[in-house]
Amino acid sequence: MAELRSLRGPSWWEVTKCTCRKSWDDEVFGQAARLAFYYFLSMFPVLLLLLILLAKIGGGGPTGANLRDTLLGVFQQILPREASALLAKTVGQLNAGAVIGAGAVSAGLGSVWGALNGTWAMMAGLNKAYEVQEERQWWKVLSIAFGLTISLGIMGIAALWTMFYGDRAWETIDAQSLFFWRIIQWLVTAILLFFSLTLLYRFGPSVNDRRWQSSVPGAVLAVAIWVVSTLLLRVYQTRFSSERIYGGLNAVVVLLMWLYSTGAAVFIGGEANSEIEKAGAKARESGPDD
C-alpha cells in the first residue's frame, strides 16, 4: 500500500475501478455461486460432525448442551433470521448419538468432499484473479487445499469456543450489557475471518514469493463487504420477506444467498489484492522520476 503512495502509482479510485471491472470480467459472482453450492452441501455433514464433537467434549452433560446453545447463538447473531432458524431446526433434528459406524464415516466423507471442493474452488478463483495458471504439483495443491480447509475449520472452532467462554465470563461480570457483548462477538468473528482470509490469499493462488503484507488489503476489503452484505441481507429479510415467492424453501434460499455473498466477498478481496500488486509493480517499473 505504501508503494502506491511513494511511487506515484494510480489512485485508490483507479484501483477500485480496476477491481470492479476485473471482478466482472473474471465472473466473480458465477464463481461465488459455485462456492455456495459446495459449502451448502458440506454444511450439514459438518454440523453433524460438530455435534458429535460437542457431545464428546461435554460427555452428554450440561457442557455439551451449553456448547450446542452457543452454536445456535452464533447462527442467530451472524445469519439472517430465516437461515439461522433453518440451521437451528436442523441441529435439533440431528441425533449425534445415533450416528455411529458407517453413518459417522459417511458424514465425515461428505463434509470433507464438500469442504475440499469449496477450498479448491477458492484457489481456482484466486488463480484467475491473479491471471496465473496452476503450476504446482497435484499433491502440493491437494496438500494446500487440505491444510487451508483444516485451518479455516480451526478458526471456526476457535470462534465458537471464544464465544462460549466469553458468554459465561460476561454473565458473571454484567448480565445487563448484552448489546455491548454482541458487538464484541462481531469483532471477534471479523478478526478471525480476517486472519482466515489472509491465510487464504497468501497460500491459495499459484504465485511464488508472496509477502504476508500483500494479503492484508484484500482481506480487509473482503471482511468489510461480508459484514455489510450480511447486515443488509438481515435488514432485507426483516422488511421484505421473500416467503411469498419461495414458500417453504425461503429459508434455504436465504442461506444460499448468504453463502453466495460470502463467496463474492472472498473473490472480490482477491481481485483487489491482484490489482494493488499490479499497480505497485507498474509504479516500480516506471520509477519515481519518470
Protein backbone atom coordinates (compact mmCIF):
# COMPACT_ATOMS: atom_id res chain seq x y z
CA MET A 1 0.00 0.00 0.00
CA ALA A 2 2.84 2.38 0.78
CA GLU A 3 4.30 1.61 -2.63
CA LEU A 4 1.38 3.25 -4.40
CA ARG A 5 1.79 6.45 -2.41
CA SER A 6 5.58 6.72 -2.58
CA LEU A 7 5.93 5.79 -6.26
CA ARG A 8 3.05 7.91 -7.50
CA GLY A 9 1.04 4.90 -8.57
CA PRO A 10 -2.61 5.03 -9.55
CA SER A 11 -5.07 6.42 -7.04
CA TRP A 12 -7.27 4.28 -4.84
CA TRP A 13 -10.22 5.31 -7.01
CA GLU A 14 -8.48 3.92 -10.11
CA VAL A 15 -7.62 0.71 -8.26
CA THR A 16 -11.26 0.43 -7.18
CA LYS A 17 -12.49 0.83 -10.76
CA CYS A 18 -9.99 -1.75 -11.98
CA THR A 19 -11.10 -4.16 -9.24
CA CYS A 20 -14.77 -3.77 -10.19
CA ARG A 21 -14.04 -4.24 -13.89
CA LYS A 22 -11.78 -7.23 -13.29
CA SER A 23 -14.31 -8.81 -10.92
CA TRP A 24 -16.89 -8.63 -13.69
CA ASP A 25 -14.52 -9.97 -16.36
CA ASP A 26 -13.47 -12.89 -14.13
CA GLU A 27 -17.11 -13.81 -13.42
CA VAL A 28 -16.68 -13.44 -9.68
CA PHE A 29 -20.39 -13.84 -8.99
CA GLY A 30 -20.58 -17.05 -11.02
CA GLN A 31 -17.66 -18.41 -9.04
CA ALA A 32 -19.41 -17.34 -5.82
CA ALA A 33 -22.48 -19.37 -6.85
CA ARG A 34 -20.27 -22.41 -7.40
CA LEU A 35 -18.67 -21.90 -4.00
CA ALA A 36 -22.08 -21.53 -2.32
CA PHE A 37 -23.17 -24.88 -3.81
CA TYR A 38 -20.19 -26.76 -2.42
CA TYR A 39 -20.42 -25.22 1.03
CA PHE A 40 -24.16 -25.76 1.19
CA LEU A 41 -23.63 -29.47 0.54
CA SER A 42 -20.86 -29.72 3.13
CA MET A 43 -22.53 -27.58 5.80
CA PHE A 44 -24.91 -30.19 7.18
CA PRO A 45 -22.42 -33.08 7.40
CA VAL A 46 -20.03 -30.63 9.09
CA LEU A 47 -22.80 -29.69 11.53
CA LEU A 48 -23.35 -33.35 12.33
CA LEU A 49 -19.64 -33.92 12.96
CA LEU A 50 -19.53 -30.79 15.09
CA LEU A 51 -22.43 -32.06 17.18
CA ILE A 52 -20.61 -35.37 17.66
CA LEU A 53 -17.52 -33.43 18.78
CA LEU A 54 -19.55 -31.27 21.17
CA ALA A 55 -21.21 -34.37 22.60
CA LYS A 56 -17.81 -35.96 23.21
CA ILE A 57 -16.45 -32.80 24.83
CA GLY A 58 -19.48 -32.37 27.04
CA GLY A 59 -19.82 -36.06 27.79
CA GLY A 60 -23.59 -35.79 27.45
CA GLY A 61 -23.73 -33.31 30.34
CA PRO A 62 -24.60 -29.63 30.60
CA THR A 63 -21.33 -28.53 28.97
CA GLY A 64 -22.29 -30.22 25.72
CA ALA A 65 -25.74 -28.63 25.82
CA ASN A 66 -24.21 -25.21 26.52
CA LEU A 67 -21.81 -25.58 23.61
CA ARG A 68 -24.72 -26.53 21.40
CA ASP A 69 -26.70 -23.48 22.57
CA THR A 70 -23.65 -21.31 21.87
CA LEU A 71 -23.52 -22.71 18.34
CA LEU A 72 -27.17 -21.79 17.82
CA GLY A 73 -26.49 -18.35 19.28
CA VAL A 74 -23.70 -17.80 16.77
CA PHE A 75 -26.09 -18.67 13.96
CA GLN A 76 -28.65 -16.18 15.28
CA GLN A 77 -26.09 -13.37 15.55
CA ILE A 78 -24.48 -13.83 12.13
CA LEU A 79 -27.01 -15.36 9.76
CA PRO A 80 -30.28 -13.81 8.58
CA ARG A 81 -33.29 -14.82 10.65
CA GLU A 82 -34.69 -17.46 8.26
CA ALA A 83 -31.29 -19.05 7.67
CA SER A 84 -30.47 -19.25 11.39
CA ALA A 85 -33.92 -20.76 12.06
CA LEU A 86 -33.28 -23.39 9.39
CA LEU A 87 -29.92 -24.37 10.89
CA ALA A 88 -31.39 -24.37 14.40
CA LYS A 89 -34.14 -26.72 13.23
CA THR A 90 -31.59 -28.94 11.52
CA VAL A 91 -29.40 -29.06 14.63
CA GLY A 92 -32.47 -30.05 16.62
CA GLN A 93 -33.25 -32.88 14.20
CA LEU A 94 -29.72 -34.25 14.02
CA ASN A 95 -29.06 -37.00 16.51
CA ALA A 96 -25.33 -37.09 17.08
CA GLY A 97 -25.54 -40.04 19.46
CA ALA A 98 -27.27 -42.21 16.87
CA VAL A 99 -24.66 -41.60 14.18
CA ILE A 100 -22.03 -44.27 14.69
CA GLY A 101 -20.03 -46.55 12.46
CA ALA A 102 -20.92 -46.21 8.79
CA GLY A 103 -23.14 -43.18 9.44
CA ALA A 104 -20.30 -41.22 11.01
CA VAL A 105 -17.94 -42.24 8.21
CA SER A 106 -20.49 -41.12 5.60
CA ALA A 107 -20.94 -37.76 7.33
CA GLY A 108 -17.18 -37.34 7.53
CA LEU A 109 -16.64 -38.15 3.86
CA GLY A 110 -19.45 -35.81 2.82
CA SER A 111 -18.10 -32.92 4.84
CA VAL A 112 -14.52 -33.47 3.63
CA TRP A 113 -15.64 -33.73 -0.01
CA GLY A 114 -17.69 -30.54 0.11
CA ALA A 115 -15.17 -28.54 2.13
CA LEU A 116 -12.21 -29.56 -0.04
CA ASN A 117 -14.12 -28.75 -3.22
CA GLY A 118 -15.05 -25.38 -1.77
CA THR A 119 -11.42 -24.62 -0.88
CA TRP A 120 -10.26 -25.80 -4.29
CA ALA A 121 -12.87 -23.54 -5.93
CA MET A 122 -11.49 -20.57 -3.97
CA MET A 123 -7.93 -21.43 -5.02
CA ALA A 124 -9.01 -21.68 -8.68
CA GLY A 125 -10.83 -18.34 -8.41
CA LEU A 126 -7.76 -16.67 -6.91
CA ASN A 127 -5.59 -18.05 -9.72
CA LYS A 128 -7.99 -16.43 -12.15
CA ALA A 129 -7.82 -13.16 -10.23
CA TYR A 130 -4.01 -13.18 -10.41
CA GLU A 131 -4.09 -14.26 -14.06
CA VAL A 132 -1.87 -17.28 -13.43
CA GLN A 133 -2.08 -20.93 -14.35
CA GLU A 134 -1.88 -23.63 -11.72
CA GLU A 135 1.75 -24.77 -11.91
CA ARG A 136 2.05 -26.61 -8.62
CA GLN A 137 2.14 -30.40 -8.47
CA TRP A 138 -1.22 -32.08 -7.85
CA TRP A 139 -0.09 -33.41 -4.48
CA LYS A 140 1.01 -29.95 -3.42
CA VAL A 141 -2.31 -28.42 -4.49
CA LEU A 142 -4.16 -31.14 -2.58
CA SER A 143 -1.96 -30.61 0.49
CA ILE A 144 -2.52 -26.85 0.43
CA ALA A 145 -6.27 -27.30 -0.04
CA PHE A 146 -6.40 -29.76 2.85
CA GLY A 147 -4.26 -27.51 5.06
CA LEU A 148 -6.36 -24.45 4.31
CA THR A 149 -9.56 -26.39 4.98
CA ILE A 150 -8.25 -27.58 8.34
CA SER A 151 -7.01 -24.08 9.21
CA LEU A 152 -10.35 -22.48 8.36
CA GLY A 153 -12.12 -25.14 10.41
CA ILE A 154 -9.86 -24.46 13.38
CA MET A 155 -10.63 -20.75 13.07
CA GLY A 156 -14.35 -21.53 13.16
CA ILE A 157 -13.99 -23.76 16.22
CA ALA A 158 -11.88 -21.07 17.89
CA ALA A 159 -14.64 -18.53 17.27
CA LEU A 160 -17.22 -20.90 18.76
CA TRP A 161 -15.01 -21.62 21.79
CA THR A 162 -14.29 -17.92 22.34
CA MET A 163 -17.97 -17.05 22.27
CA PHE A 164 -18.85 -19.94 24.59
CA TYR A 165 -16.41 -18.96 27.31
CA GLY A 166 -17.00 -15.27 26.63
CA ASP A 167 -20.70 -15.70 27.28
CA ARG A 168 -20.01 -17.44 30.58
CA ALA A 169 -17.46 -14.83 31.66
CA TRP A 170 -19.69 -11.92 30.66
CA GLU A 171 -22.62 -13.29 32.63
CA THR A 172 -20.52 -13.21 35.78
CA ILE A 173 -19.45 -9.60 35.14
CA ASP A 174 -22.52 -7.78 33.88
CA ALA A 175 -25.60 -9.55 32.61
CA GLN A 176 -27.21 -6.25 31.51
CA SER A 177 -24.66 -5.28 28.81
CA LEU A 178 -25.87 -7.72 26.16
CA PHE A 179 -25.65 -5.22 23.30
CA PHE A 180 -22.02 -4.41 24.06
CA TRP A 181 -21.15 -8.09 24.20
CA ARG A 182 -22.82 -8.70 20.83
CA ILE A 183 -20.57 -6.03 19.32
CA ILE A 184 -17.54 -7.79 20.79
CA GLN A 185 -18.75 -11.08 19.29
CA TRP A 186 -18.98 -9.46 15.86
CA LEU A 187 -15.48 -8.04 16.27
CA VAL A 188 -14.09 -11.44 17.24
CA THR A 189 -15.78 -13.01 14.21
CA ALA A 190 -14.45 -10.29 11.91
CA ILE A 191 -10.90 -10.64 13.26
CA LEU A 192 -10.88 -14.42 12.86
CA LEU A 193 -12.33 -14.05 9.35
CA PHE A 194 -9.58 -11.53 8.55
CA PHE A 195 -6.83 -13.94 9.60
CA SER A 196 -8.52 -16.78 7.68
CA LEU A 197 -8.67 -14.69 4.50
CA THR A 198 -5.07 -13.52 4.93
CA LEU A 199 -4.02 -17.16 5.10
CA LEU A 200 -6.13 -18.00 2.05
CA TYR A 201 -4.77 -15.11 -0.03
CA ARG A 202 -1.21 -15.99 0.97
CA PHE A 203 -1.25 -19.67 0.02
CA GLY A 204 -4.29 -20.04 -2.27
CA PRO A 205 -3.07 -18.61 -5.59
CA SER A 206 -0.22 -20.21 -7.54
CA VAL A 207 2.10 -17.22 -7.05
CA ASN A 208 5.61 -17.56 -5.67
CA ASP A 209 7.32 -15.31 -3.14
CA ARG A 210 4.20 -13.51 -1.97
CA ARG A 211 4.53 -11.47 1.21
CA TRP A 212 2.01 -11.59 4.02
CA GLN A 213 1.54 -7.82 3.76
CA SER A 214 0.24 -8.25 0.20
CA SER A 215 -2.75 -10.19 1.51
CA VAL A 216 -3.90 -7.56 4.01
CA PRO A 217 -5.77 -5.03 1.77
CA GLY A 218 -7.95 -7.67 0.13
CA ALA A 219 -8.66 -9.33 3.48
CA VAL A 220 -9.78 -6.01 4.98
CA LEU A 221 -12.00 -5.31 1.95
CA ALA A 222 -13.48 -8.83 1.98
CA VAL A 223 -14.34 -8.60 5.69
CA ALA A 224 -15.95 -5.19 5.15
CA ILE A 225 -18.02 -6.49 2.22
CA TRP A 226 -19.02 -9.58 4.20
CA VAL A 227 -20.16 -7.57 7.24
CA VAL A 228 -22.12 -5.07 5.11
CA SER A 229 -23.73 -7.74 2.91
CA THR A 230 -24.67 -9.85 5.95
CA LEU A 231 -26.29 -6.88 7.70
CA LEU A 232 -28.08 -5.79 4.51
CA LEU A 233 -29.41 -9.30 4.00
CA ARG A 234 -30.69 -9.36 7.57
CA VAL A 235 -32.39 -5.99 7.09
CA TYR A 236 -33.90 -7.05 3.77
CA GLN A 237 -35.31 -10.27 5.22
CA THR A 238 -36.75 -8.33 8.17
CA ARG A 239 -38.53 -5.77 6.00
CA PHE A 240 -39.14 -7.61 2.72
CA SER A 241 -39.55 -11.32 3.26
CA SER A 242 -39.45 -13.44 0.09
CA GLU A 243 -41.60 -16.18 1.62
CA ARG A 244 -44.47 -15.39 -0.75
CA ILE A 245 -42.19 -16.23 -3.67
CA TYR A 246 -40.34 -19.28 -2.37
CA GLY A 247 -42.77 -20.54 0.26
CA GLY A 248 -41.31 -23.28 2.40
CA LEU A 249 -37.98 -23.01 0.58
CA ASN A 250 -37.47 -19.41 1.68
CA ALA A 251 -35.06 -20.33 4.48
CA VAL A 252 -32.95 -22.42 2.09
CA VAL A 253 -32.84 -19.56 -0.41
CA VAL A 254 -31.75 -17.10 2.29
CA LEU A 255 -28.96 -19.44 3.41
CA LEU A 256 -27.78 -19.85 -0.18
CA MET A 257 -27.85 -16.08 -0.68
CA TRP A 258 -25.70 -15.62 2.42
CA LEU A 259 -23.20 -18.22 1.22
CA TYR A 260 -23.25 -16.57 -2.20
CA SER A 261 -22.49 -13.10 -0.81
CA THR A 262 -19.75 -14.57 1.39
CA GLY A 263 -18.11 -16.21 -1.62
CA ALA A 264 -18.36 -12.99 -3.63
CA ALA A 265 -16.64 -11.08 -0.81
CA VAL A 266 -13.76 -13.60 -0.79
CA PHE A 267 -13.19 -13.35 -4.55
CA ILE A 268 -13.53 -9.56 -4.69
CA GLY A 269 -10.88 -9.30 -1.99
CA GLY A 270 -8.59 -11.47 -4.11
CA GLU A 271 -9.22 -9.29 -7.15
CA ALA A 272 -8.37 -6.19 -5.10
CA ASN A 273 -5.07 -7.73 -3.94
CA SER A 274 -4.19 -8.58 -7.53
CA GLU A 275 -4.91 -5.06 -8.80
CA ILE A 276 -2.96 -3.43 -5.97
CA GLU A 277 0.06 -5.64 -6.61
CA LYS A 278 -0.07 -4.97 -10.37
CA ALA A 279 -0.32 -1.23 -9.73
CA GLY A 280 2.65 -1.39 -7.36
CA ALA A 281 4.70 -3.33 -9.93
CA LYS A 282 3.94 -0.75 -12.64
CA ALA A 283 4.90 2.07 -10.27
CA ARG A 284 8.24 0.39 -9.51
CA GLU A 285 8.96 -0.12 -13.21
CA SER A 286 8.24 3.50 -14.12
CA GLY A 287 10.21 4.86 -11.15
CA PRO A 288 9.52 7.96 -9.09
CA ASP A 289 11.20 10.35 -11.53
CA ASP A 290 9.57 9.19 -14.78
